[in-house]
């Protein structure tokens, strides 16, 4: 008589958690949450929350700050401002406001999709394997806690500071670059901005997620997230050098 088919235990497949439990567990039980996502990857609700946070902060920013005047002031401070026709400046102001109001929120799903692809490629480069759906789960859930904390800080700044003293590019001062003045080197600001507390929190969660979901070693998981962080940092600093 053949043996009955063995049913995988919860410990083998990961703990069963509802979506609501994973959304709260990522703050208090991140290890257990990622083990659950390994067995049942999901990302839709977490992704919607990330999009909603971006839309809320953007809406409050535009209600508190005259973004048109902010963009115009920055254009006037540029070295070639005197050579730019007034009509062209107005066009740049309108385009800048549209980018902030619509393109930034719309970039959230693009960033999630692209970031997950990079995680999948990074895991493969370090000798592991992970499905795209699981990579999306790791990206969204590792992004959620720092995004929520950053949004809360940004909203407090927007309501507590006078509108004319708010710098939209430095709402969340969790890195050394945010403490430098307007006249500081753009390259230096970009370089120091990479050492951000909330970003490092996200990197920690991402490394933990890749270790649990893709079953990488701690060294491999940290290798993936640090390599991607370093590449992004170099690109941001390089862009600042080109623009500045």
C-alpha atoms as a PDB file:
ATOM      1  CA  UNK A   1       0.000   0.000   0.000  1.00  0.00           C
ATOM      2  CA  UNK A   2       1.473   3.339  -1.043  1.00  0.00           C
ATOM      3  CA  UNK A   3       2.117   6.069   1.436  1.00  0.00           C
ATOM      4  CA  UNK A   4      -0.322   9.004   1.463  1.00  0.00           C
ATOM      5  CA  UNK A   5       0.823  12.143  -0.283  1.00  0.00           C
ATOM      6  CA  UNK A   6       2.590  14.384   2.193  1.00  0.00           C
ATOM      7  CA  UNK A   7       1.087  17.802   2.687  1.00  0.00           C
ATOM      8  CA  UNK A   8       3.715  20.549   3.052  1.00  0.00           C
ATOM      9  CA  UNK A   9       3.755  22.010   6.515  1.00  0.00           C
ATOM     10  CA  UNK A  10       3.344  25.716   7.188  1.00  0.00           C
ATOM     11  CA  UNK A  11       6.975  25.918   8.260  1.00  0.00           C
ATOM     12  CA  UNK A  12       8.078  24.524   4.893  1.00  0.00           C
ATOM     13  CA  UNK A  13       6.031  26.887   2.758  1.00  0.00           C
ATOM     14  CA  UNK A  14       5.940  29.919   5.004  1.00  0.00           C
ATOM     15  CA  UNK A  15       3.436  31.201   7.555  1.00  0.00           C
ATOM     16  CA  UNK A  16      -0.048  32.015   6.305  1.00  0.00           C
ATOM     17  CA  UNK A  17      -0.806  35.719   6.622  1.00  0.00           C
ATOM     18  CA  UNK A  18      -3.642  37.771   5.189  1.00  0.00           C
ATOM     19  CA  UNK A  19      -2.917  40.884   3.152  1.00  0.00           C
ATOM     20  CA  UNK A  20      -3.828  43.056   6.138  1.00  0.00           C
ATOM     21  CA  UNK A  21      -1.445  41.071   8.325  1.00  0.00           C
ATOM     22  CA  UNK A  22       1.418  41.464   5.842  1.00  0.00           C
ATOM     23  CA  UNK A  23       0.840  45.218   5.611  1.00  0.00           C
ATOM     24  CA  UNK A  24       1.214  45.612   9.368  1.00  0.00           C
ATOM     25  CA  UNK A  25       3.701  42.779   9.774  1.00  0.00           C
ATOM     26  CA  UNK A  26       6.259  44.404   7.469  1.00  0.00           C
ATOM     27  CA  UNK A  27       6.710  47.033  10.208  1.00  0.00           C
ATOM     28  CA  UNK A  28       6.842  44.708  13.210  1.00  0.00           C
ATOM     29  CA  UNK A  29       7.579  41.220  11.852  1.00  0.00           C
ATOM     30  CA  UNK A  30       9.401  41.773   8.547  1.00  0.00           C
ATOM     31  CA  UNK A  31      11.133  38.379   8.585  1.00  0.00           C
ATOM     32  CA  UNK A  32       7.873  36.473   9.065  1.00  0.00           C
ATOM     33  CA  UNK A  33       6.143  38.688   6.510  1.00  0.00           C
ATOM     34  CA  UNK A  34       8.688  37.938   3.795  1.00  0.00           C
ATOM     35  CA  UNK A  35       8.481  34.230   4.591  1.00  0.00           C
ATOM     36  CA  UNK A  36       4.738  34.507   3.983  1.00  0.00           C
ATOM     37  CA  UNK A  37       5.333  36.367   0.715  1.00  0.00           C
ATOM     38  CA  UNK A  38       7.646  33.576  -0.417  1.00  0.00           C
ATOM     39  CA  UNK A  39       4.716  31.161  -0.209  1.00  0.00           C
ATOM     40  CA  UNK A  40       2.099  33.597  -1.458  1.00  0.00           C
ATOM     41  CA  UNK A  41       3.615  36.624  -3.223  1.00  0.00           C
ATOM     42  CA  UNK A  42       1.405  39.705  -3.455  1.00  0.00           C
ATOM     43  CA  UNK A  43       1.966  43.374  -4.138  1.00  0.00           C
ATOM     44  CA  UNK A  44      -1.217  45.058  -5.409  1.00  0.00           C
ATOM     45  CA  UNK A  45      -2.475  46.592  -2.158  1.00  0.00           C
ATOM     46  CA  UNK A  46       1.013  47.653  -1.060  1.00  0.00           C
ATOM     47  CA  UNK A  47       1.593  49.213  -4.489  1.00  0.00           C
ATOM     48  CA  UNK A  48      -1.715  51.108  -4.306  1.00  0.00           C
ATOM     49  CA  UNK A  49      -0.695  52.450  -0.888  1.00  0.00           C
ATOM     50  CA  UNK A  50       2.643  53.659  -2.305  1.00  0.00           C
ATOM     51  CA  UNK A  51       0.794  55.411  -5.131  1.00  0.00           C
ATOM     52  CA  UNK A  52      -1.728  56.926  -2.714  1.00  0.00           C
ATOM     53  CA  UNK A  53       1.031  58.268  -0.446  1.00  0.00           C
ATOM     54  CA  UNK A  54       2.716  59.925  -3.426  1.00  0.00           C
ATOM     55  CA  UNK A  55      -0.568  61.480  -4.586  1.00  0.00           C
ATOM     56  CA  UNK A  56      -1.427  62.754  -1.090  1.00  0.00           C
ATOM     57  CA  UNK A  57       1.963  64.406  -0.520  1.00  0.00           C
ATOM     58  CA  UNK A  58       1.895  65.904  -4.030  1.00  0.00           C
ATOM     59  CA  UNK A  59      -1.618  67.296  -3.540  1.00  0.00           C
ATOM     60  CA  UNK A  60      -0.746  68.863  -0.171  1.00  0.00           C
ATOM     61  CA  UNK A  61       2.481  70.296  -1.603  1.00  0.00           C
ATOM     62  CA  UNK A  62       0.639  71.979  -4.465  1.00  0.00           C
ATOM     63  CA  UNK A  63      -1.997  73.347  -2.095  1.00  0.00           C
ATOM     64  CA  UNK A  64       0.597  74.814   0.283  1.00  0.00           C
ATOM     65  CA  UNK A  65       3.324  75.999  -2.092  1.00  0.00           C
ATOM     66  CA  UNK A  66       3.086  78.097  -5.250  1.00  0.00           C
ATOM     67  CA  UNK A  67       4.975  75.621  -7.404  1.00  0.00           C
ATOM     68  CA  UNK A  68       4.818  77.877 -10.432  1.00  0.00           C
ATOM     69  CA  UNK A  69       6.628  80.637  -8.554  1.00  0.00           C
ATOM     70  CA  UNK A  70       9.092  78.124  -7.087  1.00  0.00           C
ATOM     71  CA  UNK A  71      10.037  76.834 -10.541  1.00  0.00           C
ATOM     72  CA  UNK A  72      10.206  80.390 -11.907  1.00  0.00           C
ATOM     73  CA  UNK A  73      12.569  81.452  -9.113  1.00  0.00           C
ATOM     74  CA  UNK A  74      14.869  78.544  -9.862  1.00  0.00           C
ATOM     75  CA  UNK A  75      14.891  79.446 -13.549  1.00  0.00           C
ATOM     76  CA  UNK A  76      15.788  83.036 -12.734  1.00  0.00           C
ATOM     77  CA  UNK A  77      18.753  81.862 -10.641  1.00  0.00           C
ATOM     78  CA  UNK A  78      20.190  79.765 -13.461  1.00  0.00           C
ATOM     79  CA  UNK A  79      23.353  81.152 -15.154  1.00  0.00           C
ATOM     80  CA  UNK A  80      21.706  81.619 -18.573  1.00  0.00           C
ATOM     81  CA  UNK A  81      18.410  83.039 -17.289  1.00  0.00           C
ATOM     82  CA  UNK A  82      18.922  86.399 -19.001  1.00  0.00           C
ATOM     83  CA  UNK A  83      19.277  84.705 -22.400  1.00  0.00           C
ATOM     84  CA  UNK A  84      16.049  82.703 -22.160  1.00  0.00           C
ATOM     85  CA  UNK A  85      12.957  84.438 -23.639  1.00  0.00           C
ATOM     86  CA  UNK A  86      10.102  85.078 -21.221  1.00  0.00           C
ATOM     87  CA  UNK A  87       7.709  82.932 -23.265  1.00  0.00           C
ATOM     88  CA  UNK A  88      10.113  80.005 -23.033  1.00  0.00           C
ATOM     89  CA  UNK A  89      10.364  80.453 -19.267  1.00  0.00           C
ATOM     90  CA  UNK A  90       6.583  80.328 -18.959  1.00  0.00           C
ATOM     91  CA  UNK A  91       6.530  77.121 -20.985  1.00  0.00           C
ATOM     92  CA  UNK A  92       9.162  75.603 -18.717  1.00  0.00           C
ATOM     93  CA  UNK A  93       7.118  76.606 -15.659  1.00  0.00           C
ATOM     94  CA  UNK A  94       3.978  74.953 -17.032  1.00  0.00           C
ATOM     95  CA  UNK A  95       5.902  71.800 -17.981  1.00  0.00           C
ATOM     96  CA  UNK A  96       7.584  71.694 -14.574  1.00  0.00           C
ATOM     97  CA  UNK A  97       4.265  71.966 -12.742  1.00  0.00           C
ATOM     98  CA  UNK A  98       2.741  69.233 -14.919  1.00  0.00           C
ATOM     99  CA  UNK A  99       5.686  66.919 -14.273  1.00  0.00           C
ATOM    100  CA  UNK A 100       5.356  67.365 -10.523  1.00  0.00           C
ATOM    101  CA  UNK A 101       1.579  67.033 -10.458  1.00  0.00           C
ATOM    102  CA  UNK A 102       1.095  64.090 -12.808  1.00  0.00           C
ATOM    103  CA  UNK A 103       4.340  62.460 -13.928  1.00  0.00           C
ATOM    104  CA  UNK A 104       5.725  61.908 -10.406  1.00  0.00           C
ATOM    105  CA  UNK A 105       2.665  59.914  -9.198  1.00  0.00           C
ATOM    106  CA  UNK A 106       2.503  58.038 -12.506  1.00  0.00           C
ATOM    107  CA  UNK A 107       6.154  57.049 -12.101  1.00  0.00           C
ATOM    108  CA  UNK A 108       5.334  54.920  -9.039  1.00  0.00           C
ATOM    109  CA  UNK A 109       4.173  51.800 -10.968  1.00  0.00           C
ATOM    110  CA  UNK A 110       7.057  52.261 -13.420  1.00  0.00           C
ATOM    111  CA  UNK A 111       9.576  52.356 -10.575  1.00  0.00           C
ATOM    112  CA  UNK A 112       8.008  49.279  -8.976  1.00  0.00           C
ATOM    113  CA  UNK A 113       8.128  47.331 -12.241  1.00  0.00           C
ATOM    114  CA  UNK A 114      11.673  48.411 -13.063  1.00  0.00           C
ATOM    115  CA  UNK A 115      12.960  47.920  -9.526  1.00  0.00           C
ATOM    116  CA  UNK A 116      11.568  44.392  -9.389  1.00  0.00           C
ATOM    117  CA  UNK A 117      13.276  43.569 -12.690  1.00  0.00           C
ATOM    118  CA  UNK A 118      16.574  44.814 -11.266  1.00  0.00           C
ATOM    119  CA  UNK A 119      16.099  42.679  -8.151  1.00  0.00           C
ATOM    120  CA  UNK A 120      15.433  39.630 -10.301  1.00  0.00           C
ATOM    121  CA  UNK A 121      18.535  40.271 -12.412  1.00  0.00           C
ATOM    122  CA  UNK A 122      20.588  40.969  -9.292  1.00  0.00           C
ATOM    123  CA  UNK A 123      19.521  37.714  -7.682  1.00  0.00           C
ATOM    124  CA  UNK A 124      20.426  35.828 -10.867  1.00  0.00           C
ATOM    125  CA  UNK A 125      23.816  37.574 -10.990  1.00  0.00           C
ATOM    126  CA  UNK A 126      24.557  36.339  -7.464  1.00  0.00           C
ATOM    127  CA  UNK A 127      23.641  32.761  -8.348  1.00  0.00           C
ATOM    128  CA  UNK A 128      20.072  32.694  -7.033  1.00  0.00           C
ATOM    129  CA  UNK A 129      16.638  32.446  -8.592  1.00  0.00           C
ATOM    130  CA  UNK A 130      13.437  34.394  -8.000  1.00  0.00           C
ATOM    131  CA  UNK A 131      10.252  34.829 -10.006  1.00  0.00           C
ATOM    132  CA  UNK A 132       9.271  38.281 -11.185  1.00  0.00           C
ATOM    133  CA  UNK A 133       6.125  38.234  -9.048  1.00  0.00           C
ATOM    134  CA  UNK A 134       8.171  37.519  -5.938  1.00  0.00           C
ATOM    135  CA  UNK A 135      10.649  40.254  -6.896  1.00  0.00           C
ATOM    136  CA  UNK A 136       7.749  42.721  -7.178  1.00  0.00           C
ATOM    137  CA  UNK A 137       6.568  41.641  -3.732  1.00  0.00           C
ATOM    138  CA  UNK A 138       9.997  42.268  -2.215  1.00  0.00           C
ATOM    139  CA  UNK A 139      10.286  45.687  -3.871  1.00  0.00           C
ATOM    140  CA  UNK A 140       6.841  46.952  -2.841  1.00  0.00           C
ATOM    141  CA  UNK A 141       6.932  45.657   0.720  1.00  0.00           C
ATOM    142  CA  UNK A 142      10.503  46.821   1.377  1.00  0.00           C
ATOM    143  CA  UNK A 143       9.547  50.258   0.028  1.00  0.00           C
ATOM    144  CA  UNK A 144       6.375  50.605   2.083  1.00  0.00           C
ATOM    145  CA  UNK A 145       7.708  51.403   5.609  1.00  0.00           C
ATOM    146  CA  UNK A 146      10.241  54.069   4.527  1.00  0.00           C
ATOM    147  CA  UNK A 147       7.688  55.566   2.121  1.00  0.00           C
ATOM    148  CA  UNK A 148       5.070  55.845   4.853  1.00  0.00           C
ATOM    149  CA  UNK A 149       7.520  57.389   7.333  1.00  0.00           C
ATOM    150  CA  UNK A 150       8.787  59.790   4.684  1.00  0.00           C
ATOM    151  CA  UNK A 151       5.247  60.820   3.760  1.00  0.00           C
ATOM    152  CA  UNK A 152       4.368  61.507   7.400  1.00  0.00           C
ATOM    153  CA  UNK A 153       7.471  63.688   7.843  1.00  0.00           C
ATOM    154  CA  UNK A 154       6.752  65.531   4.583  1.00  0.00           C
ATOM    155  CA  UNK A 155       3.146  66.247   5.591  1.00  0.00           C
ATOM    156  CA  UNK A 156       4.256  67.569   8.990  1.00  0.00           C
ATOM    157  CA  UNK A 157       6.782  69.865   7.307  1.00  0.00           C
ATOM    158  CA  UNK A 158       4.176  71.118   4.838  1.00  0.00           C
ATOM    159  CA  UNK A 159       1.711  72.048   7.586  1.00  0.00           C
ATOM    160  CA  UNK A 160       4.130  73.286  10.251  1.00  0.00           C
ATOM    161  CA  UNK A 161       6.434  75.454   8.132  1.00  0.00           C
ATOM    162  CA  UNK A 162       5.500  78.714   6.449  1.00  0.00           C
ATOM    163  CA  UNK A 163       4.774  78.108   2.745  1.00  0.00           C
ATOM    164  CA  UNK A 164       7.452  80.572   1.596  1.00  0.00           C
ATOM    165  CA  UNK A 165      10.115  78.725   3.619  1.00  0.00           C
ATOM    166  CA  UNK A 166       9.359  75.260   2.210  1.00  0.00           C
ATOM    167  CA  UNK A 167      11.820  73.714  -0.233  1.00  0.00           C
ATOM    168  CA  UNK A 168       9.910  71.018  -2.181  1.00  0.00           C
ATOM    169  CA  UNK A 169      13.162  69.211  -2.955  1.00  0.00           C
ATOM    170  CA  UNK A 170      14.108  68.962   0.728  1.00  0.00           C
ATOM    171  CA  UNK A 171      10.874  68.095   2.484  1.00  0.00           C
ATOM    172  CA  UNK A 172      12.348  65.081   4.270  1.00  0.00           C
ATOM    173  CA  UNK A 173      15.703  66.017   5.805  1.00  0.00           C
ATOM    174  CA  UNK A 174      16.926  62.508   6.608  1.00  0.00           C
ATOM    175  CA  UNK A 175      20.290  62.809   4.859  1.00  0.00           C
ATOM    176  CA  UNK A 176      23.290  65.181   5.121  1.00  0.00           C
ATOM    177  CA  UNK A 177      22.612  66.662   1.686  1.00  0.00           C
ATOM    178  CA  UNK A 178      19.328  68.177   2.896  1.00  0.00           C
ATOM    179  CA  UNK A 179      21.239  70.218   5.482  1.00  0.00           C
ATOM    180  CA  UNK A 180      23.396  72.068   2.938  1.00  0.00           C
ATOM    181  CA  UNK A 181      22.504  75.529   1.675  1.00  0.00           C
ATOM    182  CA  UNK A 182      21.197  76.514  -1.740  1.00  0.00           C
ATOM    183  CA  UNK A 183      24.637  77.698  -2.834  1.00  0.00           C
ATOM    184  CA  UNK A 184      26.320  74.378  -2.059  1.00  0.00           C
ATOM    185  CA  UNK A 185      27.816  72.254  -4.808  1.00  0.00           C
ATOM    186  CA  UNK A 186      25.089  70.261  -6.537  1.00  0.00           C
ATOM    187  CA  UNK A 187      27.450  67.306  -6.854  1.00  0.00           C
ATOM    188  CA  UNK A 188      28.215  67.391  -3.126  1.00  0.00           C
ATOM    189  CA  UNK A 189      24.503  67.637  -2.283  1.00  0.00           C
ATOM    190  CA  UNK A 190      23.718  64.703  -4.574  1.00  0.00           C
ATOM    191  CA  UNK A 191      26.546  62.604  -3.100  1.00  0.00           C
ATOM    192  CA  UNK A 192      25.580  63.246   0.517  1.00  0.00           C
ATOM    193  CA  UNK A 193      21.895  62.714  -0.243  1.00  0.00           C
ATOM    194  CA  UNK A 194      22.606  59.063  -1.036  1.00  0.00           C
ATOM    195  CA  UNK A 195      23.361  58.412   2.631  1.00  0.00           C
ATOM    196  CA  UNK A 196      19.731  58.646   3.643  1.00  0.00           C
ATOM    197  CA  UNK A 197      18.343  57.012   6.791  1.00  0.00           C
ATOM    198  CA  UNK A 198      15.019  56.072   5.202  1.00  0.00           C
ATOM    199  CA  UNK A 199      16.786  54.705   2.130  1.00  0.00           C
ATOM    200  CA  UNK A 200      19.030  52.558   4.312  1.00  0.00           C
ATOM    201  CA  UNK A 201      15.932  51.302   6.141  1.00  0.00           C
ATOM    202  CA  UNK A 202      14.546  50.252   2.771  1.00  0.00           C
ATOM    203  CA  UNK A 203      17.833  48.566   1.858  1.00  0.00           C
ATOM    204  CA  UNK A 204      17.751  46.597   5.096  1.00  0.00           C
ATOM    205  CA  UNK A 205      14.214  45.398   4.365  1.00  0.00           C
ATOM    206  CA  UNK A 206      15.115  44.596   0.753  1.00  0.00           C
ATOM    207  CA  UNK A 207      18.124  42.513   1.795  1.00  0.00           C
ATOM    208  CA  UNK A 208      15.988  40.675   4.334  1.00  0.00           C
ATOM    209  CA  UNK A 209      13.281  40.137   1.732  1.00  0.00           C
ATOM    210  CA  UNK A 210      15.679  38.743  -0.875  1.00  0.00           C
ATOM    211  CA  UNK A 211      17.240  36.472   1.741  1.00  0.00           C
ATOM    212  CA  UNK A 212      13.847  35.077   2.768  1.00  0.00           C
ATOM    213  CA  UNK A 213      12.027  35.033  -0.565  1.00  0.00           C
ATOM    214  CA  UNK A 214      14.894  34.097  -2.909  1.00  0.00           C
ATOM    215  CA  UNK A 215      16.644  32.015  -0.213  1.00  0.00           C
ATOM    216  CA  UNK A 216      19.945  33.820  -0.676  1.00  0.00           C
ATOM    217  CA  UNK A 217      22.639  33.985   1.924  1.00  0.00           C
ATOM    218  CA  UNK A 218      22.905  37.208   3.886  1.00  0.00           C
ATOM    219  CA  UNK A 219      26.072  38.114   1.955  1.00  0.00           C
ATOM    220  CA  UNK A 220      24.399  37.523  -1.411  1.00  0.00           C
ATOM    221  CA  UNK A 221      21.263  39.486  -0.480  1.00  0.00           C
ATOM    222  CA  UNK A 222      23.267  42.454   0.765  1.00  0.00           C
ATOM    223  CA  UNK A 223      25.447  42.210  -2.321  1.00  0.00           C
ATOM    224  CA  UNK A 224      22.404  42.669  -4.555  1.00  0.00           C
ATOM    225  CA  UNK A 225      20.956  45.686  -2.741  1.00  0.00           C
ATOM    226  CA  UNK A 226      24.303  47.424  -2.167  1.00  0.00           C
ATOM    227  CA  UNK A 227      25.322  46.958  -5.804  1.00  0.00           C
ATOM    228  CA  UNK A 228      22.048  48.471  -7.025  1.00  0.00           C
ATOM    229  CA  UNK A 229      22.274  51.295  -4.466  1.00  0.00           C
ATOM    230  CA  UNK A 230      25.845  52.090  -5.592  1.00  0.00           C
ATOM    231  CA  UNK A 231      24.867  52.132  -9.287  1.00  0.00           C
ATOM    232  CA  UNK A 232      21.921  54.440  -8.571  1.00  0.00           C
ATOM    233  CA  UNK A 233      24.132  56.710  -6.443  1.00  0.00           C
ATOM    234  CA  UNK A 234      26.727  57.039  -9.202  1.00  0.00           C
ATOM    235  CA  UNK A 235      24.003  57.852 -11.752  1.00  0.00           C
ATOM    236  CA  UNK A 236      22.445  60.530  -9.505  1.00  0.00           C
ATOM    237  CA  UNK A 237      25.795  62.158  -8.770  1.00  0.00           C
ATOM    238  CA  UNK A 238      26.729  62.007 -12.435  1.00  0.00           C
ATOM    239  CA  UNK A 239      23.435  63.630 -13.429  1.00  0.00           C
ATOM    240  CA  UNK A 240      24.027  66.377 -10.867  1.00  0.00           C
ATOM    241  CA  UNK A 241      27.488  66.995 -12.342  1.00  0.00           C
ATOM    242  CA  UNK A 242      26.045  67.261 -15.850  1.00  0.00           C
ATOM    243  CA  UNK A 243      23.225  69.568 -14.790  1.00  0.00           C
ATOM    244  CA  UNK A 244      25.278  71.636 -12.352  1.00  0.00           C
END
